[in-house]
Amino acid sequence: MLNHSTRAATALIALAATAALAAGCSSSGSAKSAKTSGAKTSAASTAAAAQFPVTIQTAAGAVTIAKKPTAIVSMSPTATEMLFAIGAGSQVKAVDKNSDYPTTAPHTNLDSYQLNAEAVANYRPDLVVVSGLPPKQAAQLRALHMTVLDEPAATDLQGTYAQLAQLGEATGHADGAATEATKMKADIASIVKDTPKPAAGTKYYYELDQTYYSVTSATFIGKTLGLFGLTSIADAAKGAAASGGYPQLTSEFIVKANPAYVFLADTKCCKQTPATVAKRPGWSALHAVTGQRMIALDDDIASRWGPRIVDLLRTVGQAIKQHPAA
C-alpha cells in the first residue's frame, strides 16, 4: 500500500462496584472480597511482568523490549489503530498527526514524514512504533535511547495478523491481539460468504488519486478485494510489476478496459465522487457507471491495513450485493 483500554477500565469499575456491594452486606464478605481481589491483581501483575523482556523479530531486525512499556509513541496511523484494538490504548502517550482514529487517541503534531527525533523524545517514550521509517531516521531515535519497533505496510492479511501479534507481545497484550485477529478473521469470512461471487474475470479499477494511480491484484488491497473474486485492470498495465504494484494508468487505458466496478479511494484527498468521475470524457459509458457500480471509499480506511480493513470489505460486499455485475 502507499505510504500514505477501555475494557480494563470497565473491569475496574465493575470490581469496585462489587466490592462496595459486598461491604454493604457484611464486613466479613468485604474482607474476603478484598483478599480475593488482591490475589487476582497480584497474579495478573506478576504474569504481565513475566512476559518481559521480550524480543520481537522484525524485517528491520530483532528488537528487545526490557519491560512492559507504559509510554508508547505511535508514529503510524495503522499501528495506532492496532494498539487501541488490542487493549494497549492506556499505554499510548502520543500519536502522530496522521493518526486520526480512534478519536480518543492522544493526538499531537508529530510528523513521521518530517521526523523530529527530539520532539518524539520529549514524550519520554519507552517504545516508539513506526512504519517503514528510513534507517537513518530510525537511528536518530535510537541515538536518543528510544526503543523502536518498525511495522511496515503489510502485503496481505496474514501480515496484518502477524503485526497484531507482535504489538501484543511488545505491549503485554498477547491475548488481546489474538482475540482481535480471531474476530477479524471471523468477520471477514462472514462478509465474503454473504457476498455473491461475480462472474469469473470480473474486473475493477481502484483509484488512489485523480491522476490514475492504481493497484494491481498483487498488492495488499488487491489481494483483499480478490477475496470477492475480483481482478484489477491494472494487472495488464505496462510497467505494473516494476511500479511495485502501483502503476499510473491513463484515462484511455481505463476506458478501454471498461471495468465492472470502480473503487474510489480518493474521496477525501481529491474530492472525487461517483458523479465527478462519471463526467470524465468517455467514462459515462463504462459498465461501472451504467451499472451504478461506482463505490466511494473512506481514504483513511482504504490506505491502512489494520482492524478497520473489515469495514472496507463490508462496504465493498454491500455494494456488490446491491449492484452485482452482469
Protein backbone atom coordinates (compact mmCIF):
# COMPACT_ATOMS: atom_id res chain seq x y z
CA MET A 1 0.00 0.00 0.00
CA LEU A 2 1.04 3.59 -0.38
CA ASN A 3 2.79 5.32 2.50
CA HIS A 4 0.19 7.37 2.81
CA SER A 5 -8.45 0.01 27.13
CA THR A 6 -11.45 0.74 27.81
CA ARG A 7 -12.05 -2.89 28.78
CA ALA A 8 -9.59 -2.69 31.67
CA ALA A 9 -11.24 0.49 32.98
CA THR A 10 -14.69 -1.10 32.78
CA ALA A 11 -13.44 -4.16 34.64
CA LEU A 12 -12.03 -1.98 37.42
CA ILE A 13 -15.29 -0.06 37.74
CA ALA A 14 -17.22 -3.33 37.93
CA LEU A 15 -14.79 -4.66 40.53
CA ALA A 16 -15.18 -1.51 42.64
CA ALA A 17 -18.98 -1.75 42.45
CA THR A 18 -18.89 -5.39 43.51
CA ALA A 19 -16.64 -4.58 46.47
CA ALA A 20 -18.95 -1.75 47.58
CA LEU A 21 -22.00 -4.03 47.41
CA ALA A 22 -20.22 -6.71 49.43
CA ALA A 23 -19.28 -4.13 52.08
CA GLY A 24 -22.93 -3.16 52.44
CA CYS A 25 -23.92 -6.79 53.04
CA SER A 26 -21.27 -7.90 55.56
CA SER A 27 -17.84 -6.91 56.77
CA SER A 28 -16.57 -10.49 56.61
CA GLY A 29 -17.70 -10.71 52.98
CA SER A 30 -15.86 -7.47 52.24
CA ALA A 31 -12.65 -8.79 53.75
CA LYS A 32 -12.92 -11.97 51.72
CA SER A 33 -13.58 -9.99 48.55
CA ALA A 34 -10.60 -7.73 49.20
CA LYS A 35 -8.30 -10.70 49.71
CA THR A 36 -9.53 -12.37 46.52
CA SER A 37 -9.25 -9.15 44.53
CA GLY A 38 -5.75 -8.51 45.83
CA ALA A 39 -4.66 -12.02 44.95
CA LYS A 40 -6.01 -11.70 41.41
CA THR A 41 -4.40 -8.29 40.89
CA SER A 42 -1.06 -9.55 42.20
CA ALA A 43 -1.24 -12.62 39.97
CA ALA A 44 -2.08 -10.51 36.92
CA SER A 45 0.79 -8.11 37.60
CA THR A 46 3.20 -11.00 38.10
CA ALA A 47 2.06 -12.65 34.87
CA ALA A 48 2.48 -9.42 32.90
CA ALA A 49 5.95 -8.84 34.31
CA ALA A 50 6.93 -12.42 33.49
CA GLN A 51 6.39 -11.73 29.79
CA PHE A 52 9.34 -9.37 29.69
CA PRO A 53 11.96 -8.92 28.49
CA VAL A 54 10.65 -9.94 25.08
CA THR A 55 12.41 -9.98 21.73
CA ILE A 56 10.40 -9.22 18.59
CA GLN A 57 11.74 -10.43 15.24
CA THR A 58 11.02 -7.80 12.58
CA ALA A 59 12.07 -7.20 8.99
CA ALA A 60 14.40 -4.50 10.32
CA GLY A 61 16.00 -6.89 12.82
CA ALA A 62 15.40 -8.11 16.35
CA VAL A 63 14.01 -5.63 18.89
CA THR A 64 14.26 -6.37 22.60
CA ILE A 65 11.80 -4.71 24.97
CA ALA A 66 13.07 -4.85 28.56
CA LYS A 67 9.79 -4.27 30.40
CA LYS A 68 6.14 -3.65 29.70
CA PRO A 69 6.00 -0.21 28.06
CA THR A 70 3.95 2.47 29.78
CA ALA A 71 4.76 5.40 27.48
CA ILE A 72 4.28 4.45 23.84
CA VAL A 73 4.56 6.89 20.95
CA SER A 74 2.93 5.71 17.73
CA MET A 75 4.18 7.25 14.52
CA SER A 76 1.93 5.08 12.36
CA PRO A 77 -1.85 5.52 11.94
CA THR A 78 -2.28 1.78 11.40
CA ALA A 79 -0.20 0.93 14.48
CA THR A 80 -2.27 3.39 16.50
CA GLU A 81 -5.48 1.63 15.47
CA MET A 82 -3.95 -1.75 16.28
CA LEU A 83 -2.66 -0.66 19.70
CA PHE A 84 -6.08 0.53 20.78
CA ALA A 85 -7.80 -2.52 19.30
CA ILE A 86 -5.69 -4.96 21.32
CA GLY A 87 -6.20 -3.10 24.62
CA ALA A 88 -2.93 -1.13 24.81
CA GLY A 89 -4.55 2.28 24.42
CA SER A 90 -3.88 3.38 28.01
CA GLN A 91 -0.15 2.88 27.42
CA VAL A 92 -0.10 5.22 24.40
CA LYS A 93 1.09 8.70 25.38
CA ALA A 94 1.28 10.31 21.95
CA VAL A 95 0.38 9.59 18.32
CA ASP A 96 1.44 11.32 15.12
CA LYS A 97 -0.64 13.93 13.31
CA ASN A 98 -1.97 11.42 10.78
CA SER A 99 -3.34 9.07 13.45
CA ASP A 100 -6.95 10.25 13.34
CA TYR A 101 -8.52 7.07 14.74
CA PRO A 102 -9.63 6.40 17.37
CA THR A 103 -10.66 9.93 18.27
CA THR A 104 -9.69 9.27 21.90
CA ALA A 105 -6.03 8.78 20.98
CA PRO A 106 -3.61 11.43 22.34
CA HIS A 107 -3.13 13.35 19.11
CA THR A 108 -0.09 15.56 18.54
CA ASN A 109 1.69 17.42 15.75
CA LEU A 110 4.42 14.78 15.48
CA ASP A 111 5.06 14.06 11.81
CA SER A 112 6.52 10.77 10.62
CA TYR A 113 7.21 12.30 7.21
CA GLN A 114 9.22 15.17 8.71
CA LEU A 115 10.61 13.40 11.73
CA ASN A 116 11.88 15.45 14.66
CA ALA A 117 13.61 12.95 16.94
CA GLU A 118 13.92 15.46 19.77
CA ALA A 119 10.18 16.19 19.65
CA VAL A 120 9.46 12.47 19.98
CA ALA A 121 11.97 12.19 22.85
CA ASN A 122 10.10 14.91 24.76
CA TYR A 123 7.37 12.36 25.48
CA ARG A 124 9.99 10.12 27.14
CA PRO A 125 8.73 7.00 25.39
CA ASP A 126 9.84 3.53 26.37
CA LEU A 127 8.61 2.31 22.95
CA VAL A 128 8.22 4.08 19.62
CA VAL A 129 6.23 2.30 16.92
CA VAL A 130 6.91 3.37 13.34
CA SER A 131 6.07 2.11 9.87
CA GLY A 132 8.71 1.86 7.17
CA LEU A 133 10.82 4.62 8.69
CA PRO A 134 14.11 5.15 6.78
CA PRO A 135 17.05 3.53 8.64
CA LYS A 136 18.77 6.89 9.11
CA GLN A 137 15.74 8.36 10.87
CA ALA A 138 15.24 5.25 12.99
CA ALA A 139 18.89 5.57 14.01
CA GLN A 140 18.21 9.14 15.17
CA LEU A 141 15.54 7.83 17.54
CA ARG A 142 17.79 5.06 18.84
CA ALA A 143 20.62 7.56 19.35
CA LEU A 144 18.33 9.25 21.88
CA HIS A 145 17.93 5.91 23.69
CA MET A 146 14.48 5.10 22.33
CA THR A 147 13.37 1.54 21.56
CA VAL A 148 11.98 1.46 18.02
CA LEU A 149 9.61 -1.15 16.64
CA ASP A 150 9.10 -0.90 12.88
CA GLU A 151 5.86 -2.35 11.48
CA PRO A 152 5.91 -1.66 7.72
CA ALA A 153 2.88 -1.89 5.46
CA ALA A 154 1.55 -5.44 5.36
CA THR A 155 1.46 -7.18 1.99
CA ASP A 156 -1.51 -9.39 2.88
CA LEU A 157 -3.94 -10.12 5.70
CA GLN A 158 -1.56 -12.64 7.22
CA GLY A 159 0.86 -9.75 7.61
CA THR A 160 -1.82 -7.79 9.46
CA TYR A 161 -2.42 -10.66 11.87
CA ALA A 162 1.34 -11.06 12.39
CA GLN A 163 1.71 -7.37 13.28
CA LEU A 164 -1.18 -7.57 15.73
CA ALA A 165 0.63 -10.48 17.40
CA GLN A 166 3.93 -8.58 17.52
CA LEU A 167 2.32 -5.50 19.04
CA GLY A 168 0.56 -7.77 21.52
CA GLU A 169 3.89 -9.25 22.60
CA ALA A 170 5.56 -5.85 22.70
CA THR A 171 2.89 -4.28 24.92
CA GLY A 172 1.88 -7.19 27.16
CA HIS A 173 -1.42 -7.75 25.36
CA ALA A 174 -0.82 -11.02 23.54
CA ASP A 175 -4.29 -12.29 24.46
CA GLY A 176 -5.94 -9.08 23.28
CA ALA A 177 -4.09 -9.31 19.97
CA ALA A 178 -5.11 -12.92 19.47
CA THR A 179 -8.74 -12.05 20.23
CA GLU A 180 -8.71 -9.17 17.74
CA ALA A 181 -7.18 -11.31 15.00
CA THR A 182 -9.72 -14.06 15.58
CA LYS A 183 -12.57 -11.53 15.38
CA MET A 184 -11.20 -10.04 12.18
CA LYS A 185 -10.89 -13.44 10.54
CA ALA A 186 -14.44 -14.39 11.52
CA ASP A 187 -15.89 -11.06 10.33
CA ILE A 188 -14.06 -11.23 7.00
CA ALA A 189 -15.09 -14.84 6.41
CA SER A 190 -18.72 -13.90 7.13
CA ILE A 191 -18.66 -10.91 4.78
CA VAL A 192 -17.12 -12.90 1.93
CA LYS A 193 -19.53 -15.80 2.45
CA ASP A 194 -22.56 -13.48 2.40
CA THR A 195 -21.42 -11.69 -0.78
CA PRO A 196 -22.42 -13.28 -4.11
CA LYS A 197 -19.39 -14.07 -6.25
CA PRO A 198 -19.32 -12.13 -9.53
CA ALA A 199 -18.63 -13.93 -12.79
CA ALA A 200 -15.09 -15.17 -13.29
CA GLY A 201 -12.85 -12.47 -14.73
CA THR A 202 -14.90 -9.54 -13.37
CA LYS A 203 -12.56 -6.56 -13.25
CA TYR A 204 -12.30 -3.35 -11.28
CA TYR A 205 -10.41 -0.08 -11.33
CA TYR A 206 -9.14 1.08 -7.95
CA GLU A 207 -8.34 4.81 -7.91
CA LEU A 208 -5.74 6.08 -5.48
CA ASP A 209 -5.91 9.63 -6.79
CA GLN A 210 -7.28 11.57 -9.74
CA THR A 211 -4.04 11.14 -11.68
CA TYR A 212 -5.00 7.48 -12.15
CA TYR A 213 -2.55 5.77 -9.82
CA SER A 214 -3.99 2.36 -9.09
CA VAL A 215 -3.26 -1.05 -7.57
CA THR A 216 -2.70 -4.49 -9.04
CA SER A 217 -4.13 -7.73 -7.72
CA ALA A 218 -0.73 -8.48 -6.14
CA THR A 219 -0.92 -5.62 -3.62
CA PHE A 220 -2.44 -5.75 -0.15
CA ILE A 221 -5.67 -4.15 -1.29
CA GLY A 222 -5.65 -6.21 -4.48
CA LYS A 223 -5.38 -9.47 -2.56
CA THR A 224 -8.08 -8.30 -0.18
CA LEU A 225 -10.52 -7.44 -2.98
CA GLY A 226 -9.53 -10.74 -4.55
CA LEU A 227 -11.44 -12.46 -1.76
CA PHE A 228 -14.57 -11.44 -3.66
CA GLY A 229 -13.26 -12.94 -6.90
CA LEU A 230 -12.38 -9.56 -8.46
CA THR A 231 -9.34 -8.76 -10.62
CA SER A 232 -7.68 -5.39 -11.16
CA ILE A 233 -7.43 -3.93 -14.64
CA ALA A 234 -4.02 -2.59 -13.59
CA ASP A 235 -2.59 -6.11 -13.83
CA ALA A 236 -2.34 -5.64 -17.59
CA ALA A 237 -0.78 -2.17 -17.44
CA LYS A 238 2.71 -1.65 -18.82
CA GLY A 239 5.25 -1.46 -16.01
CA ALA A 240 2.79 -2.71 -13.38
CA ALA A 241 5.33 -5.04 -11.77
CA ALA A 242 8.16 -2.52 -11.95
CA SER A 243 5.96 0.01 -10.10
CA GLY A 244 5.69 -2.33 -7.15
CA GLY A 245 2.04 -2.95 -7.96
CA TYR A 246 1.06 0.73 -8.05
CA PRO A 247 1.15 1.78 -11.72
CA GLN A 248 -0.11 5.06 -13.06
CA LEU A 249 -2.76 4.34 -15.66
CA THR A 250 -4.24 6.63 -18.27
CA SER A 251 -7.86 7.58 -18.83
CA GLU A 252 -7.72 5.89 -22.22
CA PHE A 253 -6.45 2.63 -20.68
CA ILE A 254 -9.23 2.64 -18.09
CA VAL A 255 -11.96 3.36 -20.66
CA LYS A 256 -10.69 0.60 -22.92
CA ALA A 257 -10.53 -1.89 -20.03
CA ASN A 258 -14.15 -0.98 -19.20
CA PRO A 259 -14.18 -2.21 -15.58
CA ALA A 260 -17.35 -3.55 -13.99
CA TYR A 261 -16.51 -1.80 -10.72
CA VAL A 262 -14.73 1.45 -9.84
CA PHE A 263 -13.48 1.92 -6.29
CA LEU A 264 -12.67 5.49 -5.30
CA ALA A 265 -10.07 5.76 -2.53
CA ASP A 266 -9.63 9.49 -3.17
CA THR A 267 -12.91 10.89 -1.86
CA LYS A 268 -11.19 12.94 0.85
CA CYS A 269 -7.82 13.84 -0.58
CA CYS A 270 -9.05 14.67 -4.05
CA LYS A 271 -12.79 15.26 -3.59
CA GLN A 272 -13.71 12.58 -6.10
CA THR A 273 -17.24 11.16 -6.19
CA PRO A 274 -19.16 8.83 -8.49
CA ALA A 275 -20.73 11.95 -10.02
CA THR A 276 -17.45 13.73 -10.76
CA VAL A 277 -15.89 10.56 -12.18
CA ALA A 278 -18.86 9.87 -14.44
CA LYS A 279 -18.30 13.30 -16.05
CA ARG A 280 -14.80 12.45 -17.22
CA PRO A 281 -14.51 12.26 -21.02
CA GLY A 282 -15.60 8.82 -22.23
CA TRP A 283 -16.36 7.48 -18.77
CA SER A 284 -20.17 7.75 -18.87
CA ALA A 285 -20.38 4.56 -20.93
CA LEU A 286 -18.28 2.46 -18.55
CA HIS A 287 -20.04 -0.64 -17.23
CA ALA A 288 -19.25 0.58 -13.72
CA VAL A 289 -21.08 3.84 -14.40
CA THR A 290 -24.11 2.50 -16.25
CA GLY A 291 -24.47 -0.30 -13.68
CA GLN A 292 -24.16 2.08 -10.71
CA ARG A 293 -21.11 0.21 -9.50
CA MET A 294 -19.01 3.22 -8.52
CA ILE A 295 -18.07 2.72 -4.86
CA ALA A 296 -16.85 5.63 -2.76
CA LEU A 297 -14.44 4.55 -0.02
CA ASP A 298 -13.01 6.26 3.06
CA ASP A 299 -9.44 7.24 2.07
CA ASP A 300 -8.06 6.67 5.57
CA ILE A 301 -9.53 3.20 5.99
CA ALA A 302 -8.53 2.27 2.43
CA SER A 303 -4.89 3.27 2.98
CA ARG A 304 -4.37 1.23 6.17
CA TRP A 305 -4.03 -2.47 6.93
CA GLY A 306 -5.36 -2.62 10.48
CA PRO A 307 -8.62 -3.83 12.05
CA ARG A 308 -10.77 -1.40 10.02
CA ILE A 309 -10.00 -3.33 6.83
CA VAL A 310 -13.12 -5.22 7.92
CA ASP A 311 -15.13 -2.01 7.44
CA LEU A 312 -13.75 -1.57 3.93
CA LEU A 313 -14.64 -5.15 3.00
CA ARG A 314 -18.13 -4.65 4.43
CA THR A 315 -18.60 -1.57 2.23
CA VAL A 316 -17.43 -3.47 -0.86
CA GLY A 317 -19.53 -6.50 -0.03
CA GLN A 318 -22.68 -4.43 0.38
CA ALA A 319 -22.01 -2.64 -2.92
CA ILE A 320 -21.60 -5.93 -4.77
CA LYS A 321 -24.84 -7.27 -3.30
CA GLN A 322 -26.77 -4.12 -4.19
CA HIS A 323 -25.37 -3.86 -7.71
CA PRO A 324 -24.00 -7.22 -8.89
CA ALA A 325 -22.06 -7.26 -12.13
CA ALA A 326 -23.96 -8.79 -15.06
